[in-house]
Amino acid sequence: MEDEPKSILEFPCQFPIKVIGRDEPGFRAFVVANLLVHVPELYPEDIHERPSSGGKYISLSATFTAQSREQVDTLYEALGENKQVLMVL
């Protein structure tokens, strides 16, 4: 039986996340709603927004205390379901 690879992260840990997408109606609401569902201790004011220089794209970022790898994976999967989301870092 092989051992699972050891994670570089030790949970709980501070985890930064950035979601980049098109600056279109519904994008912000989708990202914020998903962050708040998967990270209930996060407040909307902890989510920072930055538009691209051309105004076509926007990034939303936050740092939170991740409790497990499963929490992070589930969050990435939920965010990736929206076609407006171009990247989750």
N, C-alpha and C. Protein backbone atom coordinates (compact mmCIF):
# COMPACT_ATOMS: atom_id res chain seq x y z
N MET A 1 0.84 -1.18 0.00
CA MET A 1 0.00 0.00 0.00
C MET A 1 0.88 1.23 0.00
N GLU A 2 0.64 2.13 -0.95
CA GLU A 2 1.46 3.33 -1.05
C GLU A 2 0.90 4.42 -0.16
N ASP A 3 1.82 5.21 0.39
CA ASP A 3 1.40 6.35 1.19
C ASP A 3 0.99 7.47 0.26
N GLU A 4 -0.01 8.26 0.68
CA GLU A 4 -0.40 9.43 -0.10
C GLU A 4 0.69 10.47 -0.02
N PRO A 5 0.89 11.26 -1.09
CA PRO A 5 1.91 12.30 -1.03
C PRO A 5 1.58 13.30 0.08
N LYS A 6 2.60 13.74 0.76
CA LYS A 6 2.40 14.68 1.86
C LYS A 6 2.14 16.08 1.28
N SER A 7 1.16 16.74 1.84
CA SER A 7 0.81 18.09 1.41
C SER A 7 1.84 19.08 1.92
N ILE A 8 2.09 20.11 1.15
CA ILE A 8 3.02 21.15 1.59
C ILE A 8 2.33 22.03 2.63
N LEU A 9 1.01 22.03 2.60
CA LEU A 9 0.25 22.83 3.55
C LEU A 9 -0.09 22.01 4.78
N GLU A 10 0.00 22.66 5.93
CA GLU A 10 -0.43 22.04 7.17
C GLU A 10 -1.64 22.82 7.66
N PHE A 11 -2.75 22.13 7.81
CA PHE A 11 -4.01 22.78 8.17
C PHE A 11 -4.22 22.74 9.66
N PRO A 12 -4.86 23.77 10.20
CA PRO A 12 -5.33 25.00 9.56
C PRO A 12 -4.16 25.91 9.19
N CYS A 13 -4.37 26.72 8.15
CA CYS A 13 -3.33 27.65 7.70
C CYS A 13 -3.97 28.85 7.01
N GLN A 14 -3.22 29.93 6.95
CA GLN A 14 -3.67 31.12 6.21
C GLN A 14 -3.56 30.79 4.73
N PHE A 15 -4.63 31.04 4.00
CA PHE A 15 -4.68 30.67 2.59
C PHE A 15 -5.17 31.85 1.75
N PRO A 16 -4.33 32.37 0.87
CA PRO A 16 -4.76 33.46 -0.01
C PRO A 16 -5.42 32.87 -1.26
N ILE A 17 -6.47 33.53 -1.72
CA ILE A 17 -7.14 33.10 -2.95
C ILE A 17 -7.44 34.33 -3.79
N LYS A 18 -7.29 34.18 -5.09
CA LYS A 18 -7.60 35.27 -6.02
C LYS A 18 -8.40 34.68 -7.17
N VAL A 19 -9.52 35.33 -7.48
CA VAL A 19 -10.40 34.88 -8.55
C VAL A 19 -10.42 35.98 -9.61
N ILE A 20 -10.05 35.61 -10.83
CA ILE A 20 -9.98 36.57 -11.93
C ILE A 20 -11.05 36.22 -12.96
N GLY A 21 -11.76 37.25 -13.40
CA GLY A 21 -12.81 37.00 -14.39
C GLY A 21 -13.19 38.26 -15.14
N ARG A 22 -14.15 38.10 -16.02
CA ARG A 22 -14.66 39.24 -16.79
C ARG A 22 -15.49 40.13 -15.87
N ASP A 23 -15.34 41.41 -16.02
CA ASP A 23 -16.11 42.36 -15.21
C ASP A 23 -17.49 42.49 -15.84
N GLU A 24 -18.33 41.51 -15.56
CA GLU A 24 -19.69 41.45 -16.11
C GLU A 24 -20.68 41.31 -14.97
N PRO A 25 -21.95 41.63 -15.22
CA PRO A 25 -22.97 41.48 -14.18
C PRO A 25 -22.99 40.05 -13.62
N GLY A 26 -23.07 39.95 -12.32
CA GLY A 26 -23.18 38.66 -11.66
C GLY A 26 -21.87 38.06 -11.21
N PHE A 27 -20.74 38.52 -11.78
CA PHE A 27 -19.45 37.92 -11.42
C PHE A 27 -19.12 38.13 -9.95
N ARG A 28 -19.17 39.38 -9.51
CA ARG A 28 -18.84 39.68 -8.11
C ARG A 28 -19.74 38.91 -7.15
N ALA A 29 -21.04 38.94 -7.42
CA ALA A 29 -22.01 38.27 -6.55
C ALA A 29 -21.74 36.77 -6.47
N PHE A 30 -21.42 36.15 -7.60
CA PHE A 30 -21.12 34.72 -7.63
C PHE A 30 -19.90 34.41 -6.78
N VAL A 31 -18.82 35.17 -6.96
CA VAL A 31 -17.58 34.92 -6.23
C VAL A 31 -17.79 35.14 -4.73
N VAL A 32 -18.38 36.26 -4.37
CA VAL A 32 -18.59 36.57 -2.95
C VAL A 32 -19.48 35.52 -2.30
N ALA A 33 -20.56 35.14 -2.96
CA ALA A 33 -21.47 34.13 -2.40
C ALA A 33 -20.75 32.81 -2.16
N ASN A 34 -19.93 32.38 -3.11
CA ASN A 34 -19.20 31.13 -2.95
C ASN A 34 -18.15 31.21 -1.85
N LEU A 35 -17.45 32.33 -1.78
CA LEU A 35 -16.47 32.49 -0.71
C LEU A 35 -17.16 32.41 0.65
N LEU A 36 -18.30 33.08 0.79
CA LEU A 36 -18.99 33.11 2.08
C LEU A 36 -19.61 31.75 2.44
N VAL A 37 -20.03 30.98 1.45
CA VAL A 37 -20.56 29.64 1.71
C VAL A 37 -19.46 28.71 2.21
N HIS A 38 -18.31 28.75 1.56
CA HIS A 38 -17.23 27.81 1.88
C HIS A 38 -16.31 28.29 3.00
N VAL A 39 -16.37 29.58 3.28
CA VAL A 39 -15.54 30.16 4.36
C VAL A 39 -16.47 31.04 5.20
N PRO A 40 -17.29 30.43 6.06
CA PRO A 40 -18.30 31.20 6.79
C PRO A 40 -17.75 32.27 7.72
N GLU A 41 -16.51 32.13 8.14
CA GLU A 41 -15.94 33.15 9.03
C GLU A 41 -15.41 34.38 8.28
N LEU A 42 -15.48 34.35 6.96
CA LEU A 42 -15.03 35.47 6.13
C LEU A 42 -16.14 36.52 6.07
N TYR A 43 -15.76 37.78 6.13
CA TYR A 43 -16.71 38.88 6.01
C TYR A 43 -16.58 39.50 4.62
N PRO A 44 -17.68 40.02 4.07
CA PRO A 44 -17.61 40.64 2.74
C PRO A 44 -16.53 41.72 2.65
N GLU A 45 -16.29 42.45 3.72
CA GLU A 45 -15.26 43.50 3.69
C GLU A 45 -13.83 42.94 3.66
N ASP A 46 -13.67 41.62 3.86
CA ASP A 46 -12.36 40.97 3.76
C ASP A 46 -12.01 40.63 2.31
N ILE A 47 -12.96 40.82 1.41
CA ILE A 47 -12.77 40.49 0.00
C ILE A 47 -12.40 41.77 -0.74
N HIS A 48 -11.22 41.76 -1.34
CA HIS A 48 -10.71 42.95 -2.01
C HIS A 48 -10.86 42.81 -3.52
N GLU A 49 -11.16 43.93 -4.15
CA GLU A 49 -11.46 43.96 -5.57
C GLU A 49 -10.46 44.85 -6.29
N ARG A 50 -10.04 44.40 -7.47
CA ARG A 50 -9.13 45.22 -8.27
C ARG A 50 -9.46 45.07 -9.75
N PRO A 51 -9.81 46.16 -10.41
CA PRO A 51 -10.10 46.09 -11.85
C PRO A 51 -8.80 46.06 -12.66
N SER A 52 -8.86 45.50 -13.86
CA SER A 52 -7.70 45.53 -14.75
C SER A 52 -7.54 46.95 -15.29
N SER A 53 -6.39 47.23 -15.85
CA SER A 53 -6.13 48.59 -16.36
C SER A 53 -7.10 48.97 -17.48
N GLY A 54 -7.53 48.00 -18.26
CA GLY A 54 -8.47 48.27 -19.35
C GLY A 54 -9.93 48.20 -18.93
N GLY A 55 -10.18 47.74 -17.72
CA GLY A 55 -11.53 47.67 -17.20
C GLY A 55 -12.35 46.47 -17.68
N LYS A 56 -11.75 45.57 -18.44
CA LYS A 56 -12.48 44.42 -18.96
C LYS A 56 -12.54 43.26 -17.95
N TYR A 57 -11.53 43.20 -17.09
CA TYR A 57 -11.42 42.11 -16.12
C TYR A 57 -11.37 42.66 -14.71
N ILE A 58 -11.61 41.76 -13.76
CA ILE A 58 -11.56 42.15 -12.36
C ILE A 58 -11.04 40.96 -11.55
N SER A 59 -10.34 41.26 -10.47
CA SER A 59 -9.92 40.19 -9.58
C SER A 59 -10.48 40.46 -8.19
N LEU A 60 -10.90 39.40 -7.54
CA LEU A 60 -11.35 39.46 -6.16
C LEU A 60 -10.42 38.56 -5.37
N SER A 61 -9.93 39.06 -4.25
CA SER A 61 -9.00 38.27 -3.46
C SER A 61 -9.32 38.38 -1.97
N ALA A 62 -8.90 37.35 -1.26
CA ALA A 62 -9.09 37.30 0.18
C ALA A 62 -8.09 36.31 0.76
N THR A 63 -7.79 36.46 2.03
CA THR A 63 -6.98 35.50 2.75
C THR A 63 -7.83 35.01 3.91
N PHE A 64 -7.88 33.70 4.08
CA PHE A 64 -8.70 33.12 5.13
C PHE A 64 -7.96 31.97 5.79
N THR A 65 -8.48 31.51 6.90
CA THR A 65 -7.91 30.36 7.58
C THR A 65 -8.56 29.10 7.02
N ALA A 66 -7.82 28.40 6.20
CA ALA A 66 -8.31 27.15 5.60
C ALA A 66 -8.21 26.05 6.66
N GLN A 67 -9.30 25.32 6.83
CA GLN A 67 -9.35 24.27 7.84
C GLN A 67 -8.89 22.91 7.32
N SER A 68 -9.01 22.70 5.98
CA SER A 68 -8.64 21.40 5.42
C SER A 68 -8.40 21.51 3.92
N ARG A 69 -7.74 20.51 3.39
CA ARG A 69 -7.51 20.43 1.94
C ARG A 69 -8.86 20.29 1.22
N GLU A 70 -9.76 19.54 1.83
CA GLU A 70 -11.09 19.34 1.25
C GLU A 70 -11.83 20.68 1.10
N GLN A 71 -11.72 21.55 2.09
CA GLN A 71 -12.36 22.86 2.02
C GLN A 71 -11.82 23.66 0.83
N VAL A 72 -10.52 23.67 0.67
CA VAL A 72 -9.88 24.41 -0.42
C VAL A 72 -10.27 23.81 -1.78
N ASP A 73 -10.22 22.50 -1.89
CA ASP A 73 -10.58 21.84 -3.15
C ASP A 73 -12.03 22.11 -3.54
N THR A 74 -12.93 22.03 -2.56
CA THR A 74 -14.35 22.27 -2.82
C THR A 74 -14.58 23.71 -3.26
N LEU A 75 -13.89 24.65 -2.65
CA LEU A 75 -14.01 26.05 -3.02
C LEU A 75 -13.52 26.28 -4.45
N TYR A 76 -12.36 25.73 -4.79
CA TYR A 76 -11.83 25.87 -6.15
C TYR A 76 -12.80 25.28 -7.17
N GLU A 77 -13.37 24.13 -6.85
CA GLU A 77 -14.31 23.47 -7.77
C GLU A 77 -15.57 24.33 -7.96
N ALA A 78 -16.11 24.86 -6.88
CA ALA A 78 -17.32 25.68 -6.96
C ALA A 78 -17.06 26.95 -7.78
N LEU A 79 -15.92 27.58 -7.57
CA LEU A 79 -15.61 28.81 -8.30
C LEU A 79 -15.38 28.53 -9.78
N GLY A 80 -14.79 27.40 -10.09
CA GLY A 80 -14.49 27.05 -11.47
C GLY A 80 -15.71 26.71 -12.31
N GLU A 81 -16.88 26.56 -11.68
CA GLU A 81 -18.10 26.22 -12.40
C GLU A 81 -18.67 27.38 -13.22
N ASN A 82 -18.24 28.60 -12.92
CA ASN A 82 -18.80 29.77 -13.60
C ASN A 82 -17.95 30.10 -14.81
N LYS A 83 -18.60 30.26 -15.99
CA LYS A 83 -17.84 30.53 -17.21
C LYS A 83 -17.21 31.92 -17.22
N GLN A 84 -17.65 32.82 -16.32
CA GLN A 84 -17.02 34.15 -16.21
C GLN A 84 -15.67 34.06 -15.50
N VAL A 85 -15.47 33.01 -14.71
CA VAL A 85 -14.22 32.85 -13.98
C VAL A 85 -13.16 32.35 -14.96
N LEU A 86 -12.10 33.13 -15.09
CA LEU A 86 -11.02 32.76 -16.00
C LEU A 86 -9.91 32.01 -15.28
N MET A 87 -9.69 32.38 -14.00
CA MET A 87 -8.59 31.79 -13.25
C MET A 87 -8.86 31.88 -11.76
N VAL A 88 -8.46 30.84 -11.03
CA VAL A 88 -8.50 30.85 -9.58
C VAL A 88 -7.09 30.53 -9.12
N LEU A 89 -6.50 31.47 -8.42
CA LEU A 89 -5.11 31.30 -7.95
C LEU A 89 -5.09 31.22 -6.43
